[in-house]
N, C-alpha and C. Protein backbone atom coordinates (compact mmCIF):
# COMPACT_ATOMS: atom_id res chain seq x y z
N MET A 1 0.64 -1.34 0.27
CA MET A 1 0.04 0.18 -0.20
C MET A 1 0.65 0.69 -0.06
N VAL A 2 2.41 1.47 0.64
CA VAL A 2 2.84 2.71 0.87
C VAL A 2 3.10 2.39 -0.10
N LYS A 3 3.54 1.63 -0.63
CA LYS A 3 4.48 2.14 -2.26
C LYS A 3 3.70 2.36 -3.11
N ARG A 4 2.07 2.38 -3.37
CA ARG A 4 1.56 2.68 -4.69
C ARG A 4 1.56 3.85 -4.07
N ILE A 5 0.83 4.26 -2.91
CA ILE A 5 1.18 5.90 -2.82
C ILE A 5 2.50 6.52 -2.98
N ILE A 6 3.16 6.11 -3.12
CA ILE A 6 4.23 6.64 -3.43
C ILE A 6 4.42 6.86 -4.74
N LEU A 7 4.18 5.86 -5.41
CA LEU A 7 4.57 5.96 -6.61
C LEU A 7 3.10 6.63 -6.97
N ALA A 8 2.16 6.47 -6.93
CA ALA A 8 0.89 8.35 -7.38
C ALA A 8 1.50 8.96 -6.84
N THR A 9 2.49 9.78 -6.35
CA THR A 9 2.31 10.41 -5.50
C THR A 9 3.74 10.88 -6.57
N PHE A 10 3.92 9.90 -7.05
CA PHE A 10 5.85 10.56 -7.81
C PHE A 10 5.11 10.49 -9.22
N CYS A 11 4.27 9.86 -9.74
CA CYS A 11 3.63 10.18 -11.16
C CYS A 11 2.92 11.24 -11.33
N LEU A 12 1.49 11.45 -9.91
CA LEU A 12 1.36 13.42 -9.88
C LEU A 12 2.07 14.61 -9.68
N THR A 13 3.58 14.14 -9.31
CA THR A 13 4.67 15.39 -9.53
C THR A 13 5.07 15.86 -11.01
N LEU A 14 4.86 14.45 -11.52
CA LEU A 14 5.63 14.09 -12.63
C LEU A 14 4.50 15.23 -13.41
N LEU A 15 3.41 14.82 -13.81
CA LEU A 15 2.64 15.26 -14.09
C LEU A 15 2.55 16.49 -14.49
N VAL A 16 2.26 17.04 -12.92
CA VAL A 16 2.34 18.33 -12.01
C VAL A 16 3.32 19.48 -12.78
N THR A 17 4.79 18.85 -12.85
CA THR A 17 5.46 19.41 -13.12
C THR A 17 5.35 19.55 -15.44
N CYS A 18 5.36 18.25 -16.07
CA CYS A 18 5.44 18.52 -17.29
C CYS A 18 4.12 19.44 -17.79
N PHE A 19 2.70 19.83 -17.43
CA PHE A 19 1.97 20.28 -17.58
C PHE A 19 2.38 21.67 -16.98
N SER A 20 3.44 22.03 -15.91
CA SER A 20 3.80 23.54 -16.16
C SER A 20 4.68 23.76 -16.82
N GLU A 21 5.66 23.04 -17.36
CA GLU A 21 7.29 23.71 -18.67
C GLU A 21 5.99 23.85 -19.40
N VAL A 22 5.51 22.60 -19.67
CA VAL A 22 4.32 23.50 -21.17
C VAL A 22 3.50 24.66 -20.75
N ALA A 23 3.13 24.70 -19.22
CA ALA A 23 2.46 26.36 -19.87
C ALA A 23 3.39 27.50 -19.81
N ARG A 24 5.07 27.21 -19.02
CA ARG A 24 6.63 28.06 -18.35
C ARG A 24 6.70 28.11 -20.43
N SER A 25 6.43 26.85 -21.69
CA SER A 25 6.75 27.85 -22.65
C SER A 25 6.37 27.98 -23.53
N SER A 26 4.81 27.63 -22.93
CA SER A 26 3.68 28.76 -24.29
C SER A 26 3.58 29.70 -23.43
N GLU A 27 4.26 30.84 -22.26
CA GLU A 27 3.90 31.66 -21.95
C GLU A 27 5.97 32.29 -22.45
N VAL A 28 6.67 31.84 -22.73
CA VAL A 28 8.00 32.32 -23.34
C VAL A 28 7.89 31.81 -24.60
N ILE A 29 7.12 31.41 -25.50
CA ILE A 29 7.09 31.14 -26.81
C ILE A 29 6.21 33.04 -26.81
N SER A 30 5.29 33.01 -26.43
CA SER A 30 4.46 34.17 -26.50
C SER A 30 5.29 35.51 -26.52
N GLU A 31 5.67 35.62 -25.64
CA GLU A 31 6.82 36.43 -25.75
C GLU A 31 7.74 36.87 -26.76
N CYS A 32 8.52 35.49 -26.62
CA CYS A 32 9.13 36.18 -28.24
C CYS A 32 8.43 36.50 -28.86
N SER A 33 7.34 35.94 -29.48
CA SER A 33 6.55 36.29 -30.92
C SER A 33 6.16 38.06 -30.42
N GLU A 34 6.00 38.40 -29.44
CA GLU A 34 5.35 39.58 -29.18
C GLU A 34 6.93 40.41 -29.21
N GLN A 35 8.59 40.19 -28.75
CA GLN A 35 9.21 40.88 -28.89
C GLN A 35 9.59 40.82 -30.32
N LEU A 36 10.08 39.71 -31.57
CA LEU A 36 10.01 39.78 -32.63
C LEU A 36 8.98 40.40 -32.97
N LEU A 37 7.79 40.94 -33.05
CA LEU A 37 6.41 42.10 -33.31
C LEU A 37 7.33 43.36 -33.12
N GLN A 38 7.44 43.71 -31.72
CA GLN A 38 8.40 45.12 -32.04
C GLN A 38 9.36 45.32 -32.61
N LYS A 39 9.82 43.69 -32.41
CA LYS A 39 11.40 43.91 -33.38
C LYS A 39 11.09 44.93 -34.86
N TYR A 40 10.33 43.92 -35.55
CA TYR A 40 9.49 44.20 -36.81
C TYR A 40 8.28 44.38 -37.55
N PRO A 41 7.96 45.51 -36.55
CA PRO A 41 6.83 45.64 -36.61
C PRO A 41 5.81 46.19 -38.41
N SER A 42 6.54 46.26 -38.86
CA SER A 42 5.53 45.82 -40.13
C SER A 42 6.70 46.04 -41.03
N ILE A 43 6.12 45.72 -42.75
CA ILE A 43 7.17 45.15 -43.31
C ILE A 43 8.42 46.00 -43.49
N GLU A 44 7.31 46.94 -43.85
CA GLU A 44 8.55 49.15 -43.62
C GLU A 44 9.58 48.87 -42.89
N ALA A 45 9.35 48.22 -41.86
CA ALA A 45 10.88 47.79 -40.84
C ALA A 45 11.83 47.15 -41.40
N ILE A 46 10.43 45.94 -41.64
CA ILE A 46 11.82 44.81 -42.38
C ILE A 46 13.61 45.91 -43.30
N GLU A 47 12.20 46.17 -43.94
CA GLU A 47 12.76 46.56 -46.08
C GLU A 47 13.43 48.05 -45.16
N GLU A 48 13.63 48.59 -44.21
CA GLU A 48 14.48 49.34 -43.91
C GLU A 48 15.53 48.92 -42.97
N GLN A 49 15.59 47.69 -42.39
CA GLN A 49 16.90 47.14 -41.43
C GLN A 49 17.61 47.01 -42.83
N PHE A 50 16.99 46.03 -43.76
CA PHE A 50 17.91 45.14 -44.77
C PHE A 50 18.02 45.03 -45.70
N ARG A 51 17.52 47.10 -46.08
CA ARG A 51 17.14 47.24 -47.93
C ARG A 51 18.51 46.96 -48.47
N ASP A 52 19.62 46.69 -48.60
CA ASP A 52 20.83 46.90 -48.76
C ASP A 52 21.15 44.68 -49.11
N GLY A 53 20.88 44.22 -50.05
CA GLY A 53 21.65 43.15 -50.13
C GLY A 53 19.63 41.80 -49.38
N ALA A 54 19.05 42.33 -49.69
CA ALA A 54 18.42 41.92 -49.54
C ALA A 54 17.27 41.01 -50.37
N LYS A 55 17.05 39.94 -50.77
CA LYS A 55 15.56 39.51 -51.26
C LYS A 55 14.54 39.10 -51.22
N TRP A 56 13.81 39.44 -52.01
CA TRP A 56 12.23 39.16 -51.73
C TRP A 56 11.38 38.81 -52.27
N GLN A 57 10.31 37.72 -51.71
CA GLN A 57 9.57 37.42 -52.24
C GLN A 57 8.35 36.84 -51.88
N GLU A 58 7.14 37.59 -53.27
CA GLU A 58 5.43 38.01 -52.16
C GLU A 58 4.87 36.69 -53.26
N LYS A 59 4.05 36.73 -52.55
CA LYS A 59 2.67 35.28 -52.80
C LYS A 59 1.37 36.30 -52.52
N THR A 60 0.36 36.11 -53.01
CA THR A 60 -0.92 36.42 -53.25
C THR A 60 -1.80 34.68 -52.74
N VAL A 61 -2.20 34.87 -52.16
CA VAL A 61 -3.31 33.57 -52.30
C VAL A 61 -4.12 33.91 -51.55
N PRO A 62 -5.48 32.67 -51.81
CA PRO A 62 -6.95 33.37 -51.27
C PRO A 62 -6.68 32.60 -49.80
N SER A 63 -7.87 33.46 -48.20
CA SER A 63 -7.83 32.43 -47.52
C SER A 63 -8.85 31.83 -47.71
N PRO A 64 -8.31 30.34 -47.05
CA PRO A 64 -9.14 28.54 -47.03
C PRO A 64 -9.66 29.34 -45.67
N HIS A 65 -10.43 30.22 -45.21
CA HIS A 65 -11.78 30.17 -44.48
C HIS A 65 -12.59 31.51 -45.18
N ASP A 66 -11.90 32.14 -45.96
CA ASP A 66 -13.14 33.34 -46.38
C ASP A 66 -12.12 33.27 -48.14
N SER A 67 -12.98 33.33 -49.39
CA SER A 67 -13.05 33.28 -50.19
C SER A 67 -12.73 34.76 -51.09
N ASN A 68 -13.52 35.64 -49.91
CA ASN A 68 -13.16 37.11 -50.55
C ASN A 68 -11.98 38.27 -50.02
N LEU A 69 -11.08 36.71 -49.08
CA LEU A 69 -9.47 37.30 -48.41
C LEU A 69 -8.65 36.96 -49.34
N GLU A 70 -7.88 38.12 -49.31
CA GLU A 70 -6.19 37.45 -49.94
C GLU A 70 -5.37 38.46 -48.51
N LEU A 71 -4.81 36.77 -48.78
CA LEU A 71 -3.83 36.97 -47.68
C LEU A 71 -1.97 36.42 -48.83
N HIS A 72 -1.54 37.69 -48.21
CA HIS A 72 -0.07 38.05 -48.85
C HIS A 72 0.85 38.05 -47.61
N ILE A 73 1.85 37.22 -48.61
CA ILE A 73 2.94 36.15 -47.87
C ILE A 73 4.41 37.20 -48.78
N LYS A 74 5.07 37.47 -47.76
CA LYS A 74 6.21 38.47 -48.45
C LYS A 74 7.50 37.40 -46.88
N THR A 75 8.49 37.43 -47.94
CA THR A 75 9.86 36.78 -47.40
C THR A 75 10.81 36.87 -47.92
N MET A 76 10.93 37.63 -46.55
CA MET A 76 13.11 38.41 -46.94
C MET A 76 13.98 37.46 -46.71
N GLU A 77 14.93 37.24 -47.52
CA GLU A 77 15.83 36.58 -47.07
C GLU A 77 17.09 37.52 -47.73
N TYR A 78 18.36 37.75 -46.53
CA TYR A 78 19.39 38.08 -46.04
C TYR A 78 20.00 37.52 -45.50
N PRO A 79 21.49 37.61 -46.08
CA PRO A 79 22.75 36.56 -45.87
C PRO A 79 22.33 36.10 -43.57
N GLY A 80 22.22 35.03 -43.38
CA GLY A 80 21.67 34.96 -42.43
C GLY A 80 20.45 34.46 -41.79
N ILE A 81 20.04 35.50 -41.85
CA ILE A 81 18.20 35.47 -41.13
C ILE A 81 18.00 35.54 -43.07
N SER A 82 16.74 35.44 -42.62
CA SER A 82 14.93 35.16 -43.36
C SER A 82 14.16 35.40 -42.66
N ILE A 83 12.78 36.23 -42.82
CA ILE A 83 11.96 36.46 -42.47
C ILE A 83 10.59 36.12 -43.14
N GLY A 84 9.39 35.75 -42.37
CA GLY A 84 8.48 35.39 -43.72
C GLY A 84 6.99 36.52 -43.13
N THR A 85 5.99 37.05 -43.78
CA THR A 85 5.11 38.45 -42.99
C THR A 85 4.20 37.67 -44.14
N LEU A 86 3.09 37.59 -42.94
CA LEU A 86 1.91 37.32 -43.96
C LEU A 86 0.85 38.91 -43.65
N GLU A 87 -0.05 39.23 -43.85
CA GLU A 87 -1.14 40.53 -43.95
C GLU A 87 -1.59 40.36 -44.74
N TYR A 88 -3.46 41.10 -44.50
CA TYR A 88 -4.61 41.20 -45.38
C TYR A 88 -4.84 41.61 -43.99
N THR A 89 -6.38 42.52 -45.15
CA THR A 89 -6.88 42.73 -44.69
C THR A 89 -8.54 42.95 -44.85
N SER A 90 -9.20 43.12 -43.82
CA SER A 90 -10.99 42.58 -43.28
C SER A 90 -11.26 43.67 -42.85
N ASP A 91 -13.01 43.84 -43.57
CA ASP A 91 -13.63 44.74 -42.82
C ASP A 91 -12.71 45.81 -42.06
N ASP A 92 -12.17 46.63 -43.28
CA ASP A 92 -11.38 47.61 -42.42
C ASP A 92 -9.94 47.24 -41.62
N GLU A 93 -9.99 46.02 -41.00
CA GLU A 93 -8.98 45.91 -40.44
C GLU A 93 -7.70 45.08 -41.17
N TYR A 94 -6.21 45.89 -40.56
CA TYR A 94 -5.15 45.46 -41.09
C TYR A 94 -4.80 44.34 -40.46
N ARG A 95 -4.21 43.51 -40.80
CA ARG A 95 -3.87 42.16 -40.25
C ARG A 95 -2.32 42.12 -39.94
N TYR A 96 -1.56 42.20 -39.31
CA TYR A 96 -0.33 41.66 -39.59
C TYR A 96 0.71 40.01 -38.75
N PHE A 97 1.28 39.07 -39.36
CA PHE A 97 1.91 38.68 -38.41
C PHE A 97 3.21 38.12 -39.14
N ILE A 98 4.44 37.93 -38.39
CA ILE A 98 5.38 37.43 -38.74
C ILE A 98 5.08 35.81 -38.63
N ILE A 99 5.97 35.06 -39.87
CA ILE A 99 5.09 33.68 -39.89
C ILE A 99 5.94 32.55 -39.76
N SER A 100 7.67 33.27 -40.05
CA SER A 100 9.04 32.77 -40.07
C SER A 100 9.79 33.66 -39.67
N VAL A 101 11.36 33.51 -38.57
CA VAL A 101 12.63 33.66 -38.28
C VAL A 101 13.11 33.29 -38.58
N ASP A 102 14.35 32.85 -39.50
CA ASP A 102 15.38 31.65 -39.71
C ASP A 102 17.00 32.17 -39.55
N VAL A 103 17.11 32.11 -37.96
CA VAL A 103 18.45 33.01 -38.25
C VAL A 103 19.88 32.17 -38.17
N GLU A 104 20.41 32.58 -38.59
CA GLU A 104 21.78 32.21 -39.14
C GLU A 104 23.15 32.89 -38.09
N LYS A 105 22.97 33.90 -38.20
CA LYS A 105 24.39 34.56 -37.70
C LYS A 105 23.98 35.84 -36.84
N ALA A 106 24.65 35.81 -36.01
CA ALA A 106 24.46 37.26 -34.43
C ALA A 106 24.01 37.94 -34.68
N GLY A 107 24.08 38.74 -33.62
CA GLY A 107 23.30 40.18 -33.88
C GLY A 107 22.00 40.66 -34.54
N PHE A 108 21.16 39.98 -35.32
CA PHE A 108 19.84 40.37 -36.02
C PHE A 108 19.13 40.44 -35.59
N VAL A 109 18.94 39.48 -34.35
CA VAL A 109 17.73 38.76 -33.64
C VAL A 109 17.64 38.23 -32.75
N ASP A 110 17.62 38.48 -31.47
CA ASP A 110 17.52 37.51 -30.38
C ASP A 110 15.81 36.94 -29.92
N PHE A 111 15.99 35.23 -29.66
CA PHE A 111 14.96 35.49 -29.14
C PHE A 111 15.40 35.28 -27.59
N LEU A 112 14.67 36.27 -26.70
CA LEU A 112 15.38 36.43 -25.40
C LEU A 112 16.08 36.35 -24.52
N GLY A 113 16.72 36.95 -25.62
CA GLY A 113 18.36 37.41 -25.15
C GLY A 113 19.04 35.93 -25.54
N ILE A 114 17.97 34.60 -26.30
CA ILE A 114 19.21 34.07 -26.97
C ILE A 114 19.50 34.53 -28.01
N ASP A 115 20.56 34.03 -28.28
CA ASP A 115 21.37 34.55 -29.55
C ASP A 115 21.73 33.75 -30.10
N ILE A 116 23.11 32.87 -31.64
CA ILE A 116 23.76 32.40 -31.89
C ILE A 116 25.24 32.79 -31.26
N GLY A 117 26.10 31.16 -30.84
CA GLY A 117 26.34 31.12 -29.72
C GLY A 117 26.54 31.08 -28.60
N SER A 118 24.59 31.61 -28.01
CA SER A 118 24.48 31.14 -26.68
C SER A 118 24.52 29.81 -26.42
N THR A 119 25.25 29.34 -25.17
CA THR A 119 24.62 27.85 -25.25
C THR A 119 23.72 27.09 -24.90
N ALA A 120 23.25 26.42 -24.87
CA ALA A 120 21.98 24.94 -24.79
C ALA A 120 21.46 25.10 -23.26
N GLY A 121 22.18 25.36 -22.15
CA GLY A 121 22.43 26.50 -21.10
C GLY A 121 21.25 26.72 -20.67
N ASP A 122 22.02 27.87 -21.63
CA ASP A 122 21.46 29.49 -21.74
C ASP A 122 19.90 29.55 -22.35
N VAL A 123 19.57 28.53 -23.36
CA VAL A 123 18.61 28.05 -23.46
C VAL A 123 17.57 27.29 -22.29
N LYS A 124 18.04 26.34 -22.16
CA LYS A 124 16.83 25.58 -21.40
C LYS A 124 16.87 26.92 -19.88
N LYS A 125 17.89 27.75 -19.39
CA LYS A 125 17.33 28.91 -18.68
C LYS A 125 16.09 29.48 -19.14
N ILE A 126 15.75 29.64 -20.41
CA ILE A 126 14.65 30.92 -20.70
C ILE A 126 13.83 30.68 -21.45
N PHE A 127 13.93 29.45 -22.34
CA PHE A 127 12.88 28.62 -22.40
C PHE A 127 12.29 27.04 -21.28
N GLY A 128 13.02 27.17 -20.89
CA GLY A 128 12.50 25.57 -19.88
C GLY A 128 13.05 24.17 -20.89
N GLU A 129 12.76 23.04 -19.96
CA GLU A 129 13.26 21.85 -20.96
C GLU A 129 12.17 21.62 -22.52
N PRO A 130 13.09 21.60 -23.37
CA PRO A 130 12.69 20.67 -24.66
C PRO A 130 11.25 20.22 -25.03
N GLN A 131 10.86 20.12 -25.24
CA GLN A 131 9.53 19.45 -25.51
C GLN A 131 10.23 18.53 -26.62
N GLN A 132 10.54 19.10 -27.29
CA GLN A 132 11.17 17.52 -28.34
C GLN A 132 12.79 17.60 -28.79
N ILE A 133 13.12 16.94 -28.71
CA ILE A 133 15.40 16.82 -29.09
C ILE A 133 15.33 15.82 -30.38
N GLU A 134 15.37 16.13 -30.58
CA GLU A 134 15.32 15.07 -32.39
C GLU A 134 17.15 15.77 -33.36
N GLY A 135 17.74 15.10 -32.71
CA GLY A 135 19.36 14.91 -32.82
C GLY A 135 19.74 16.20 -32.14
N ASN A 136 20.19 17.27 -32.60
CA ASN A 136 21.26 18.37 -32.60
C ASN A 136 19.86 19.24 -31.59
N MET A 137 18.62 19.36 -32.57
CA MET A 137 17.54 19.99 -32.50
C MET A 137 16.60 20.28 -31.42
N LEU A 138 16.15 21.08 -30.43
CA LEU A 138 16.15 21.75 -29.47
C LEU A 138 14.86 22.36 -29.78
N ALA A 139 13.66 21.65 -29.43
CA ALA A 139 11.81 21.96 -29.45
C ALA A 139 11.46 22.86 -29.25
N TYR A 140 9.93 23.73 -28.75
CA TYR A 140 9.72 23.92 -27.99
C TYR A 140 8.16 24.73 -29.25
N GLU A 141 7.23 24.01 -28.22
CA GLU A 141 5.61 24.58 -28.57
C GLU A 141 5.25 25.54 -27.68
N ASP A 142 3.96 26.55 -28.19
CA ASP A 142 3.03 26.05 -27.49
C ASP A 142 1.97 25.54 -27.12
N ASP A 143 1.00 25.24 -26.24
CA ASP A 143 0.12 24.59 -26.04
C ASP A 143 -0.67 24.44 -27.04
N ASN A 144 -0.89 25.62 -27.71
CA ASN A 144 -1.93 25.24 -28.80
C ASN A 144 -1.75 25.13 -30.42
N GLY A 145 -0.21 24.77 -30.30
CA GLY A 145 -0.27 24.33 -31.36
C GLY A 145 -0.09 25.27 -32.64
N PHE A 146 0.23 26.72 -32.17
CA PHE A 146 0.36 27.21 -33.21
C PHE A 146 1.99 28.49 -33.18
N TYR A 147 2.42 28.03 -31.78
CA TYR A 147 3.92 28.70 -31.98
C TYR A 147 4.84 27.67 -31.89
N LEU A 148 6.49 27.82 -32.49
CA LEU A 148 7.25 26.23 -32.66
C LEU A 148 8.29 27.51 -32.70
N ILE A 149 9.32 27.11 -31.47
CA ILE A 149 10.68 27.86 -32.12
C ILE A 149 11.68 26.84 -32.17
N CYS A 150 12.79 26.78 -32.18
CA CYS A 150 13.82 25.16 -32.41
C CYS A 150 14.94 26.14 -32.32
N PHE A 151 16.15 25.26 -32.03
CA PHE A 151 17.22 25.71 -31.48
C PHE A 151 18.41 24.74 -32.32
N ILE A 152 18.76 24.63 -33.21
CA ILE A 152 20.10 23.76 -33.27
C ILE A 152 21.34 24.57 -32.91
N ILE A 153 21.63 23.30 -32.12
CA ILE A 153 23.44 23.27 -30.98
C ILE A 153 24.06 22.01 -31.51
N GLU A 154 25.23 23.49 -32.27
CA GLU A 154 26.90 22.33 -31.90
C GLU A 154 27.79 22.94 -30.99
N ASN A 155 28.12 21.97 -30.97
CA ASN A 155 29.68 22.38 -29.27
C ASN A 155 29.04 22.62 -28.30
N ASN A 156 27.73 22.31 -27.67
CA ASN A 156 26.71 23.42 -27.30
C ASN A 156 26.90 24.69 -27.11
N LYS A 157 26.36 25.15 -28.69
CA LYS A 157 26.10 26.62 -28.24
C LYS A 157 25.30 26.42 -29.54
N VAL A 158 24.91 27.55 -29.77
CA VAL A 158 22.85 27.89 -30.76
C VAL A 158 24.11 28.16 -32.18
N LYS A 159 23.73 27.04 -32.56
CA LYS A 159 23.90 27.65 -34.52
C LYS A 159 23.50 27.99 -34.86
N GLU A 160 21.38 28.04 -34.35
CA GLU A 160 20.70 28.18 -36.06
C GLU A 160 19.25 28.04 -34.76
N MET A 161 18.61 29.03 -35.20
CA MET A 161 17.69 29.41 -34.68
C MET A 161 16.23 29.62 -35.89
N LYS A 162 15.22 28.85 -34.87
CA LYS A 162 13.99 28.84 -35.89
C LYS A 162 13.32 29.59 -35.44
N PHE A 163 11.41 30.27 -36.20
CA PHE A 163 10.88 30.40 -35.04
C PHE A 163 9.84 30.51 -36.38
N ARG A 164 8.65 29.78 -35.82
CA ARG A 164 7.47 29.40 -37.16
C ARG A 164 6.11 29.98 -35.88
N THR A 165 5.43 30.37 -37.10
CA THR A 165 3.43 30.77 -36.97
C THR A 165 2.82 29.60 -37.12
N PHE A 166 1.96 28.82 -37.14
CA PHE A 166 1.04 28.53 -38.33
C PHE A 166 -0.02 29.09 -37.59
N LEU A 167 -1.01 29.30 -38.83
CA LEU A 167 -2.61 29.90 -38.14
C LEU A 167 -3.46 29.69 -38.55
N ASP A 168 -3.64 29.05 -37.90
CA ASP A 168 -5.90 28.72 -37.94
C ASP A 168 -6.10 29.44 -39.88
């Protein structure tokens, strides 16, 4: 009986710890998303920062939810960083999202203080334990599955960072 109580207590503690890590990750990922929107609040802000040497790709696609709505997807490529955006206007409301950021060079953008060259320990201090580890990649996802942040680690240092927004 005592062994069952100890085992049940252990399992409950483990479950609470897992849920608190996911909640922590969601909160930190949301904070990171807000930070990216503050740094790059518009297409114009991205264009201004990366005007020389930036390559842009643009496409317009119909919304999967509203056939009257056009989604404008723009991707900026610059040596060491790429940024993908989505924008649309509906019912006189303009919406802008950063849907992807890939960073391979320090100094362009940090994810809550984590930059290229930060240690894996630094990542875990800010983001907690990763929900997924695949090879040398540490992955964090919010509890709704809308945001994903990945850190590629080499020699215990961040070599590459990726941010993704998955819109419904």
